Amino acid sequence: MKIIHCADLHLDSKMTANLDRKKAKERKIELLNTFSNMIDYASKNDVKAIIIAGDMFDKKQISQKAKKIVKNAIYSNPEIDFLVIKL
């Protein structure tokens, strides 16, 4: 059984602690793209489960864009079990 384990994704984080606004926006897009690429990889390589061990998001207010990307990725891949551990 193939499993992907990841953590500390921080999707939709502001990213402004160490980056200017332009770079922070680029980084947010990169993180969402990387998440989508991970799901595509899992789908193409018969991965049965993805375990996200904390910090998928780092705030309660999530942008509509990020919500849509995450929901679509999960709902479009019913053959993959998504296990999200929230601490």
Protein backbone atom coordinates (compact mmCIF):
# COMPACT_ATOMS: atom_id res chain seq x y z
CA MET A 1 0.00 0.00 0.00
CA LYS A 2 1.40 3.39 -1.00
CA ILE A 3 0.95 6.28 1.42
CA ILE A 4 2.04 9.91 1.27
CA HIS A 5 2.77 11.62 4.57
CA CYS A 6 3.15 15.38 4.79
CA ALA A 7 2.86 18.09 7.40
CA ASP A 8 3.12 21.83 7.90
CA LEU A 9 1.64 22.72 4.52
CA HIS A 10 0.40 26.12 5.72
CA LEU A 11 -1.78 26.53 2.65
CA ASP A 12 -3.10 30.08 2.32
CA SER A 13 -0.72 31.49 4.92
CA LYS A 14 0.03 35.21 4.55
CA MET A 15 3.75 34.46 4.18
CA THR A 16 4.64 38.07 5.02
CA ALA A 17 6.91 37.41 8.01
CA ASN A 18 10.01 37.07 5.83
CA LEU A 19 8.77 38.04 2.37
CA ASP A 20 7.55 41.23 0.75
CA ARG A 21 3.96 41.26 -0.55
CA LYS A 22 4.85 40.25 -4.10
CA LYS A 23 7.03 37.32 -3.02
CA ALA A 24 4.47 36.29 -0.40
CA LYS A 25 1.74 36.13 -3.05
CA GLU A 26 4.03 34.06 -5.31
CA ARG A 27 4.81 31.69 -2.44
CA LYS A 28 1.11 31.20 -1.63
CA ILE A 29 0.49 30.21 -5.25
CA GLU A 30 3.50 27.88 -5.22
CA LEU A 31 2.22 26.10 -2.10
CA LEU A 32 -1.25 25.57 -3.58
CA ASN A 33 0.29 24.31 -6.82
CA THR A 34 2.55 21.94 -4.90
CA PHE A 35 -0.47 20.58 -3.02
CA SER A 36 -2.29 20.00 -6.32
CA ASN A 37 0.81 18.35 -7.80
CA MET A 38 1.02 16.02 -4.80
CA ILE A 39 -2.57 14.93 -5.35
CA ASP A 40 -1.94 14.42 -9.08
CA TYR A 41 1.12 12.34 -8.27
CA ALA A 42 -0.86 10.24 -5.80
CA SER A 43 -3.63 9.65 -8.31
CA LYS A 44 -1.23 8.60 -11.08
CA ASN A 45 0.85 6.34 -8.81
CA ASP A 46 -1.87 4.33 -7.06
CA VAL A 47 -1.39 6.00 -3.68
CA LYS A 48 -4.15 4.79 -1.35
CA ALA A 49 -3.86 7.38 1.43
CA ILE A 50 -2.49 10.84 2.11
CA ILE A 51 -1.82 11.67 5.74
CA ILE A 52 -1.60 15.38 6.50
CA ALA A 53 -0.13 15.52 9.99
CA GLY A 54 -1.00 18.99 11.16
CA ASP A 55 -0.94 22.57 9.95
CA MET A 56 -2.71 22.15 6.64
CA PHE A 57 -3.81 25.75 7.24
CA ASP A 58 -2.54 28.07 9.92
CA LYS A 59 -5.60 30.24 10.37
CA LYS A 60 -9.37 29.87 10.52
CA GLN A 61 -10.09 32.32 7.71
CA ILE A 62 -9.22 30.58 4.44
CA SER A 63 -9.58 32.22 1.04
CA GLN A 64 -12.24 30.93 -1.32
CA LYS A 65 -9.53 30.06 -3.84
CA ALA A 66 -7.65 27.85 -1.36
CA LYS A 67 -10.89 26.20 -0.19
CA LYS A 68 -11.88 25.46 -3.78
CA ILE A 69 -8.49 23.95 -4.68
CA VAL A 70 -8.39 21.72 -1.60
CA LYS A 71 -12.03 20.60 -1.88
CA ASN A 72 -11.72 19.86 -5.60
CA ALA A 73 -8.52 17.88 -5.06
CA ILE A 74 -10.11 15.75 -2.35
CA TYR A 75 -13.53 15.25 -3.95
CA SER A 76 -12.02 14.52 -7.37
CA ASN A 77 -10.02 11.62 -5.97
CA PRO A 78 -12.42 9.37 -4.04
CA GLU A 79 -9.99 6.44 -4.43
CA ILE A 80 -7.55 8.20 -2.07
CA ASP A 81 -8.21 8.35 1.67
CA PHE A 82 -7.30 11.75 3.12
CA LEU A 83 -6.44 11.71 6.80
CA VAL A 84 -5.95 15.14 8.31
CA ILE A 85 -4.61 15.32 11.83
CA LYS A 86 -5.40 18.63 13.47
CA LEU A 87 -3.51 19.42 16.64
